[in-house]
């Protein structure tokens, strides 16, 4: 199986954050909103 690089980014706001994952070629692989708490940010 070939490994691929991905990039995880978080768009932060006061009431909610949005996580996004993109491929090494810039393709958006997915997004997921989360609350701005430590528990929710690390809960995939």
PDB file of N, CA and C in Angstrom:
ATOM      1  N   UNK A   1       0.853  -1.182   0.000  1.00  0.00           N
ATOM      2  CA  UNK A   1       0.000   0.000   0.000  1.00  0.00           C
ATOM      3  C   UNK A   1       0.897   1.243   0.000  1.00  0.00           C
ATOM      4  N   UNK A   2       0.619   2.160  -0.881  1.00  0.00           N
ATOM      5  CA  UNK A   2       1.405   3.381  -0.994  1.00  0.00           C
ATOM      6  C   UNK A   2       0.933   4.420   0.031  1.00  0.00           C
ATOM      7  N   UNK A   3       1.887   5.055   0.688  1.00  0.00           N
ATOM      8  CA  UNK A   3       1.541   6.100   1.647  1.00  0.00           C
ATOM      9  C   UNK A   3       1.287   7.408   0.913  1.00  0.00           C
ATOM     10  N   UNK A   4       0.331   8.165   1.424  1.00  0.00           N
ATOM     11  CA  UNK A   4       0.029   9.484   0.884  1.00  0.00           C
ATOM     12  C   UNK A   4       0.152  10.501   1.997  1.00  0.00           C
ATOM     13  N   UNK A   5       0.610  11.679   1.662  1.00  0.00           N
ATOM     14  CA  UNK A   5       0.634  12.765   2.635  1.00  0.00           C
ATOM     15  C   UNK A   5      -0.713  13.459   2.622  1.00  0.00           C
ATOM     16  N   UNK A   6      -1.157  13.856   3.805  1.00  0.00           N
ATOM     17  CA  UNK A   6      -2.364  14.669   3.924  1.00  0.00           C
ATOM     18  C   UNK A   6      -2.051  15.846   4.832  1.00  0.00           C
ATOM     19  N   UNK A   7      -2.856  16.863   4.719  1.00  0.00           N
ATOM     20  CA  UNK A   7      -2.707  18.056   5.550  1.00  0.00           C
ATOM     21  C   UNK A   7      -4.019  18.273   6.283  1.00  0.00           C
ATOM     22  N   UNK A   8      -3.916  18.449   7.590  1.00  0.00           N
ATOM     23  CA  UNK A   8      -5.081  18.738   8.425  1.00  0.00           C
ATOM     24  C   UNK A   8      -4.992  20.188   8.853  1.00  0.00           C
ATOM     25  N   UNK A   9      -6.048  20.939   8.596  1.00  0.00           N
ATOM     26  CA  UNK A   9      -6.097  22.329   9.010  1.00  0.00           C
ATOM     27  C   UNK A   9      -7.343  22.593   9.829  1.00  0.00           C
ATOM     28  N   UNK A  10      -7.279  23.606  10.661  1.00  0.00           N
ATOM     29  CA  UNK A  10      -8.428  23.975  11.486  1.00  0.00           C
ATOM     30  C   UNK A  10      -8.698  25.462  11.306  1.00  0.00           C
ATOM     31  N   UNK A  11      -9.914  25.786  10.899  1.00  0.00           N
ATOM     32  CA  UNK A  11     -10.368  27.169  10.773  1.00  0.00           C
ATOM     33  C   UNK A  11     -11.061  27.515  12.084  1.00  0.00           C
ATOM     34  N   UNK A  12     -10.441  28.364  12.880  1.00  0.00           N
ATOM     35  CA  UNK A  12     -10.950  28.629  14.227  1.00  0.00           C
ATOM     36  C   UNK A  12     -11.839  29.867  14.273  1.00  0.00           C
ATOM     37  N   UNK A  13     -12.898  29.741  15.035  1.00  0.00           N
ATOM     38  CA  UNK A  13     -13.832  30.834  15.302  1.00  0.00           C
ATOM     39  C   UNK A  13     -14.214  30.775  16.776  1.00  0.00           C
ATOM     40  N   UNK A  14     -14.867  31.775  17.260  1.00  0.00           N
ATOM     41  CA  UNK A  14     -15.213  31.840  18.672  1.00  0.00           C
ATOM     42  C   UNK A  14     -16.143  30.700  19.100  1.00  0.00           C
ATOM     43  N   UNK A  15     -17.200  30.435  18.324  1.00  0.00           N
ATOM     44  CA  UNK A  15     -18.220  29.459  18.729  1.00  0.00           C
ATOM     45  C   UNK A  15     -18.035  28.074  18.129  1.00  0.00           C
ATOM     46  N   UNK A  16     -17.296  27.965  17.040  1.00  0.00           N
ATOM     47  CA  UNK A  16     -17.108  26.667  16.391  1.00  0.00           C
ATOM     48  C   UNK A  16     -15.809  26.675  15.591  1.00  0.00           C
ATOM     49  N   UNK A  17     -15.264  25.498  15.388  1.00  0.00           N
ATOM     50  CA  UNK A  17     -14.085  25.319  14.532  1.00  0.00           C
ATOM     51  C   UNK A  17     -14.493  24.396  13.390  1.00  0.00           C
ATOM     52  N   UNK A  18     -13.779  24.465  12.278  1.00  0.00           N
ATOM     53  CA  UNK A  18     -14.008  23.543  11.171  1.00  0.00           C
ATOM     54  C   UNK A  18     -12.668  22.913  10.814  1.00  0.00           C
ATOM     55  N   UNK A  19     -12.614  21.585  10.865  1.00  0.00           N
ATOM     56  CA  UNK A  19     -11.413  20.853  10.476  1.00  0.00           C
ATOM     57  C   UNK A  19     -11.532  20.499   9.006  1.00  0.00           C
ATOM     58  N   UNK A  20     -10.426  20.564   8.295  1.00  0.00           N
ATOM     59  CA  UNK A  20     -10.400  20.188   6.881  1.00  0.00           C
ATOM     60  C   UNK A  20      -9.173  19.336   6.617  1.00  0.00           C
ATOM     61  N   UNK A  21      -9.334  18.347   5.747  1.00  0.00           N
ATOM     62  CA  UNK A  21      -8.226  17.484   5.349  1.00  0.00           C
ATOM     63  C   UNK A  21      -8.084  17.600   3.837  1.00  0.00           C
ATOM     64  N   UNK A  22      -6.854  17.883   3.391  1.00  0.00           N
ATOM     65  CA  UNK A  22      -6.603  17.962   1.959  1.00  0.00           C
ATOM     66  C   UNK A  22      -5.464  17.002   1.595  1.00  0.00           C
ATOM     67  N   UNK A  23      -5.476  16.578   0.341  1.00  0.00           N
ATOM     68  CA  UNK A  23      -4.453  15.658  -0.146  1.00  0.00           C
ATOM     69  C   UNK A  23      -3.194  16.431  -0.509  1.00  0.00           C
ATOM     70  N   UNK A  24      -2.153  15.691  -0.835  1.00  0.00           N
ATOM     71  CA  UNK A  24      -0.893  16.312  -1.240  1.00  0.00           C
ATOM     72  C   UNK A  24      -1.021  17.095  -2.537  1.00  0.00           C
ATOM     73  N   UNK A  25      -2.088  16.819  -3.297  1.00  0.00           N
ATOM     74  CA  UNK A  25      -2.318  17.556  -4.545  1.00  0.00           C
ATOM     75  C   UNK A  25      -3.295  18.716  -4.369  1.00  0.00           C
ATOM     76  N   UNK A  26      -3.782  18.926  -3.142  1.00  0.00           N
ATOM     77  CA  UNK A  26      -4.694  20.033  -2.870  1.00  0.00           C
ATOM     78  C   UNK A  26      -6.160  19.682  -2.947  1.00  0.00           C
ATOM     79  N   UNK A  27      -6.477  18.405  -3.159  1.00  0.00           N
ATOM     80  CA  UNK A  27      -7.874  17.971  -3.226  1.00  0.00           C
ATOM     81  C   UNK A  27      -8.476  17.948  -1.822  1.00  0.00           C
ATOM     82  N   UNK A  28      -9.638  18.553  -1.667  1.00  0.00           N
ATOM     83  CA  UNK A  28     -10.337  18.537  -0.382  1.00  0.00           C
ATOM     84  C   UNK A  28     -10.892  17.144  -0.145  1.00  0.00           C
ATOM     85  N   UNK A  29     -10.449  16.502   0.924  1.00  0.00           N
ATOM     86  CA  UNK A  29     -10.891  15.144   1.234  1.00  0.00           C
ATOM     87  C   UNK A  29     -12.072  15.125   2.195  1.00  0.00           C
ATOM     88  N   UNK A  30     -12.230  16.176   2.976  1.00  0.00           N
ATOM     89  CA  UNK A  30     -13.364  16.224   3.889  1.00  0.00           C
ATOM     90  C   UNK A  30     -13.253  17.354   4.885  1.00  0.00           C
ATOM     91  N   UNK A  31     -14.384  17.702   5.452  1.00  0.00           N
ATOM     92  CA  UNK A  31     -14.442  18.715   6.500  1.00  0.00           C
ATOM     93  C   UNK A  31     -15.358  18.204   7.606  1.00  0.00           C
ATOM     94  N   UNK A  32     -15.142  18.740   8.796  1.00  0.00           N
ATOM     95  CA  UNK A  32     -16.007  18.382   9.916  1.00  0.00           C
ATOM     96  C   UNK A  32     -15.983  19.521  10.926  1.00  0.00           C
ATOM     97  N   UNK A  33     -17.156  20.025  11.312  1.00  0.00           N
ATOM     98  CA  UNK A  33     -17.191  21.064  12.341  1.00  0.00           C
ATOM     99  C   UNK A  33     -16.976  20.451  13.721  1.00  0.00           C
ATOM    100  N   UNK A  34     -16.497  21.252  14.641  1.00  0.00           N
ATOM    101  CA  UNK A  34     -16.360  20.802  16.013  1.00  0.00           C
ATOM    102  C   UNK A  34     -16.456  22.014  16.936  1.00  0.00           C
ATOM    103  N   UNK A  35     -16.745  21.737  18.179  1.00  0.00           N
ATOM    104  CA  UNK A  35     -16.799  22.801  19.180  1.00  0.00           C
ATOM    105  C   UNK A  35     -15.372  23.195  19.552  1.00  0.00           C
ATOM    106  N   UNK A  36     -15.165  24.412  20.007  1.00  0.00           N
ATOM    107  CA  UNK A  36     -13.813  24.852  20.360  1.00  0.00           C
ATOM    108  C   UNK A  36     -13.382  24.373  21.742  1.00  0.00           C
ATOM    109  N   UNK A  37     -13.468  23.066  21.962  1.00  0.00           N
ATOM    110  CA  UNK A  37     -13.006  22.476  23.220  1.00  0.00           C
ATOM    111  C   UNK A  37     -11.922  21.446  22.902  1.00  0.00           C
ATOM    112  N   UNK A  38     -11.021  21.226  23.821  1.00  0.00           N
ATOM    113  CA  UNK A  38      -9.945  20.259  23.596  1.00  0.00           C
ATOM    114  C   UNK A  38     -10.513  18.880  23.283  1.00  0.00           C
ATOM    115  N   UNK A  39     -11.544  18.458  24.008  1.00  0.00           N
ATOM    116  CA  UNK A  39     -12.122  17.139  23.820  1.00  0.00           C
ATOM    117  C   UNK A  39     -12.700  17.000  22.400  1.00  0.00           C
ATOM    118  N   UNK A  40     -13.412  17.997  21.904  1.00  0.00           N
ATOM    119  CA  UNK A  40     -14.062  17.897  20.599  1.00  0.00           C
ATOM    120  C   UNK A  40     -13.050  18.025  19.458  1.00  0.00           C
ATOM    121  N   UNK A  41     -12.027  18.843  19.607  1.00  0.00           N
ATOM    122  CA  UNK A  41     -11.046  19.029  18.544  1.00  0.00           C
ATOM    123  C   UNK A  41     -10.323  17.711  18.242  1.00  0.00           C
ATOM    124  N   UNK A  42      -9.971  16.945  19.272  1.00  0.00           N
ATOM    125  CA  UNK A  42      -9.210  15.715  19.073  1.00  0.00           C
ATOM    126  C   UNK A  42     -10.087  14.482  18.909  1.00  0.00           C
ATOM    127  N   UNK A  43     -11.396  14.638  18.879  1.00  0.00           N
ATOM    128  CA  UNK A  43     -12.317  13.521  18.703  1.00  0.00           C
ATOM    129  C   UNK A  43     -12.689  13.419  17.227  1.00  0.00           C
ATOM    130  N   UNK A  44     -12.077  12.478  16.528  1.00  0.00           N
ATOM    131  CA  UNK A  44     -12.360  12.287  15.107  1.00  0.00           C
ATOM    132  C   UNK A  44     -13.450  11.298  14.955  1.00  0.00           C
TER     133      UNK A  44
END
